């Protein structure tokens, strides 16, 4: 699926895209957006896996993983036009479609579908981030892991254990113990 087919499927329209879409291919480990950069695009992942992460006291903290069919960006930077506090890195070879900031903001002035897409993306990101924050405040690591198994099994199946542990906010050894307890 690509951006055009996503919009057609989600909003039921066949109208041509009112903004430019650039296609890119990146190798594994490529940094799409780095900490300190101002995000210039919203991306749609057509193939591969991307992680969003940040550094705290020299330690990597994983914010999220993105799989084909998902939009991603350093959203706060994109919206505020300020330096990103996260980086976006390809965990595999990736193919993406990029929607440049200026093209989107120009299309917002004249296109209902662009406004609908922008609202849809903003609401989706907000709800996901709010739920993740609530989970960290109210659930144990075991509960977060079980819900990850149920709701996002692709992370467990395709991401290295040490990265899954960082995503859950626990040490890899703790994740190994959890996995043993759950599987026995």
Protein backbone atom coordinates (compact mmCIF):
# COMPACT_ATOMS: atom_id res chain seq x y z
CA UNK A 1 0.00 0.00 0.00
CA UNK A 2 1.11 3.58 -0.60
CA UNK A 3 -0.15 6.98 0.58
CA UNK A 4 -2.61 7.34 -2.29
CA UNK A 5 -4.18 3.92 -1.68
CA UNK A 6 -4.22 4.56 2.10
CA UNK A 7 -6.16 7.78 1.55
CA UNK A 8 -8.50 6.07 -0.90
CA UNK A 9 -9.17 3.23 1.55
CA UNK A 10 -9.47 5.42 4.68
CA UNK A 11 -11.43 8.35 3.26
CA UNK A 12 -13.18 6.73 0.30
CA UNK A 13 -11.90 9.12 -2.34
CA UNK A 14 -10.10 8.70 -5.63
CA UNK A 15 -9.13 12.35 -6.03
CA UNK A 16 -5.48 12.96 -6.91
CA UNK A 17 -3.14 13.83 -4.07
CA UNK A 18 -3.02 17.61 -3.59
CA UNK A 19 0.56 17.48 -2.31
CA UNK A 20 3.90 16.12 -3.48
CA UNK A 21 5.02 12.67 -2.37
CA UNK A 22 8.70 11.72 -2.66
CA UNK A 23 9.82 8.09 -2.60
CA UNK A 24 13.03 7.06 -0.85
CA UNK A 25 14.87 3.84 -0.14
CA UNK A 26 17.20 3.60 2.84
CA UNK A 27 19.59 0.93 4.04
CA UNK A 28 19.45 -0.70 7.44
CA UNK A 29 20.79 1.63 10.20
CA UNK A 30 20.15 4.78 8.14
CA UNK A 31 19.08 7.73 10.29
CA UNK A 32 16.07 9.33 8.59
CA UNK A 33 15.78 12.17 11.10
CA UNK A 34 18.40 12.85 13.76
CA UNK A 35 18.16 14.46 17.18
CA UNK A 36 18.58 18.19 16.63
CA UNK A 37 17.18 18.18 13.09
CA UNK A 38 13.94 19.97 12.30
CA UNK A 39 11.58 17.37 10.84
CA UNK A 40 10.83 18.21 7.22
CA UNK A 41 8.41 15.40 6.33
CA UNK A 42 5.66 13.07 7.39
CA UNK A 43 6.60 9.57 6.24
CA UNK A 44 4.60 6.56 5.16
CA UNK A 45 6.40 3.24 5.46
CA UNK A 46 5.85 0.97 2.47
CA UNK A 47 8.42 -1.66 3.48
CA UNK A 48 10.80 -2.29 6.36
CA UNK A 49 10.86 -1.37 10.05
CA UNK A 50 11.73 2.00 11.61
CA UNK A 51 12.33 2.84 15.26
CA UNK A 52 11.87 6.17 17.02
CA UNK A 53 14.24 6.58 19.95
CA UNK A 54 15.83 9.18 22.17
CA UNK A 55 18.83 9.40 24.43
CA UNK A 56 18.63 10.02 28.17
CA UNK A 57 21.84 10.15 30.18
CA UNK A 58 23.57 8.31 27.33
CA UNK A 59 21.02 5.48 27.32
CA UNK A 60 18.78 4.76 24.35
CA UNK A 61 15.05 4.91 25.10
CA UNK A 62 12.81 3.50 22.40
CA UNK A 63 9.64 5.47 21.84
CA UNK A 64 8.01 3.34 19.14
CA UNK A 65 8.41 0.98 16.20
CA UNK A 66 6.80 1.49 12.80
CA UNK A 67 5.87 -1.19 10.30
CA UNK A 68 4.59 -1.09 6.70
CA UNK A 69 1.32 0.78 6.36
CA UNK A 70 2.09 3.22 9.17
CA UNK A 71 2.83 6.94 9.14
CA UNK A 72 5.68 8.26 11.26
CA UNK A 73 7.80 11.34 11.88
CA UNK A 74 9.44 13.29 14.65
CA UNK A 75 5.94 14.73 15.05
CA UNK A 76 6.65 17.35 17.71
CA UNK A 77 9.45 18.78 15.61
CA UNK A 78 7.30 18.66 12.48
CA UNK A 79 4.49 20.58 14.16
CA UNK A 80 6.56 23.11 16.14
CA UNK A 81 9.36 23.57 13.57
CA UNK A 82 11.87 23.09 16.42
CA UNK A 83 14.74 20.63 16.80
CA UNK A 84 13.76 16.98 17.19
CA UNK A 85 14.41 15.25 20.51
CA UNK A 86 14.10 11.81 18.90
CA UNK A 87 15.78 10.08 16.01
CA UNK A 88 14.21 7.84 13.39
CA UNK A 89 16.40 4.90 12.34
CA UNK A 90 15.83 2.09 9.85
CA UNK A 91 16.07 -1.31 11.57
CA UNK A 92 15.91 -2.99 8.15
CA UNK A 93 16.21 -1.78 4.59
CA UNK A 94 13.22 0.53 4.13
CA UNK A 95 11.15 2.11 1.40
CA UNK A 96 9.20 5.19 2.39
CA UNK A 97 7.07 7.93 0.92
CA UNK A 98 7.65 11.43 2.25
CA UNK A 99 5.20 14.31 2.34
CA UNK A 100 7.18 17.57 2.69
CA UNK A 101 6.07 20.08 5.32
CA UNK A 102 5.65 23.01 2.94
CA UNK A 103 3.62 20.99 0.44
CA UNK A 104 1.28 19.79 3.19
CA UNK A 105 0.81 23.24 4.70
CA UNK A 106 0.08 24.68 1.26
CA UNK A 107 -2.44 21.87 0.59
CA UNK A 108 -4.17 22.53 3.93
CA UNK A 109 -5.29 25.88 2.53
CA UNK A 110 -7.26 24.37 -0.35
CA UNK A 111 -7.81 20.64 0.18
CA UNK A 112 -10.43 19.00 2.37
CA UNK A 113 -8.77 15.59 2.02
CA UNK A 114 -5.42 16.99 3.22
CA UNK A 115 -7.14 18.49 6.26
CA UNK A 116 -8.89 15.19 6.95
CA UNK A 117 -5.60 13.31 6.66
CA UNK A 118 -3.83 15.78 8.96
CA UNK A 119 -6.56 15.51 11.57
CA UNK A 120 -6.61 11.71 11.30
CA UNK A 121 -2.83 11.49 11.79
CA UNK A 122 -2.80 13.94 14.68
CA UNK A 123 -5.61 12.12 16.48
CA UNK A 124 -3.98 8.73 15.91
CA UNK A 125 -0.62 9.91 17.29
CA UNK A 126 -2.26 11.65 20.25
CA UNK A 127 -4.31 8.62 21.25
CA UNK A 128 -1.36 6.23 20.93
CA UNK A 129 0.96 8.46 22.96
CA UNK A 130 -1.65 9.09 25.65
CA UNK A 131 -2.33 5.37 26.00
CA UNK A 132 1.39 4.58 26.21
CA UNK A 133 1.85 7.24 28.90
CA UNK A 134 -1.09 5.88 30.90
CA UNK A 135 0.28 2.34 30.57
CA UNK A 136 3.65 3.39 31.99
CA UNK A 137 1.96 5.15 34.90
CA UNK A 138 -0.57 2.48 35.80
CA UNK A 139 0.61 -0.95 34.62
CA UNK A 140 3.39 -3.28 35.62
CA UNK A 141 6.05 -4.38 33.16
CA UNK A 142 4.35 -7.77 33.02
CA UNK A 143 1.00 -6.20 32.12
CA UNK A 144 2.64 -4.03 29.44
CA UNK A 145 4.40 -7.09 27.97
CA UNK A 146 1.19 -9.17 27.89
CA UNK A 147 -0.67 -6.32 26.17
CA UNK A 148 2.20 -5.96 23.70
CA UNK A 149 1.86 -9.67 22.90
CA UNK A 150 -1.87 -9.22 22.34
CA UNK A 151 -1.97 -5.87 20.57
CA UNK A 152 1.32 -5.60 18.70
CA UNK A 153 2.73 -9.12 18.25
CA UNK A 154 4.81 -7.94 15.28
CA UNK A 155 7.11 -6.17 17.75
CA UNK A 156 7.74 -9.38 19.70
CA UNK A 157 8.16 -11.39 16.48
CA UNK A 158 10.42 -9.03 14.51
CA UNK A 159 12.36 -6.86 16.97
CA UNK A 160 15.46 -7.86 18.96
CA UNK A 161 14.81 -8.70 22.61
CA UNK A 162 17.06 -5.91 23.92
CA UNK A 163 15.09 -3.34 21.89
CA UNK A 164 11.75 -4.76 23.08
CA UNK A 165 13.03 -4.39 26.66
CA UNK A 166 13.97 -0.76 26.03
CA UNK A 167 10.53 -0.14 24.53
CA UNK A 168 8.93 -1.62 27.66
CA UNK A 169 11.25 0.42 29.89
CA UNK A 170 12.89 -2.61 31.54
CA UNK A 171 16.26 -4.39 31.47
CA UNK A 172 16.70 -7.28 28.99
CA UNK A 173 17.22 -9.68 31.92
CA UNK A 174 13.85 -8.65 33.37
CA UNK A 175 12.20 -9.26 30.03
CA UNK A 176 13.79 -12.72 29.85
CA UNK A 177 12.37 -13.55 33.30
CA UNK A 178 8.93 -12.28 32.26
CA UNK A 179 8.98 -14.33 29.10
CA UNK A 180 9.94 -17.48 31.07
CA UNK A 181 7.18 -16.91 33.63
CA UNK A 182 4.54 -16.34 30.95
CA UNK A 183 5.63 -19.28 28.81
CA UNK A 184 5.66 -21.82 31.67
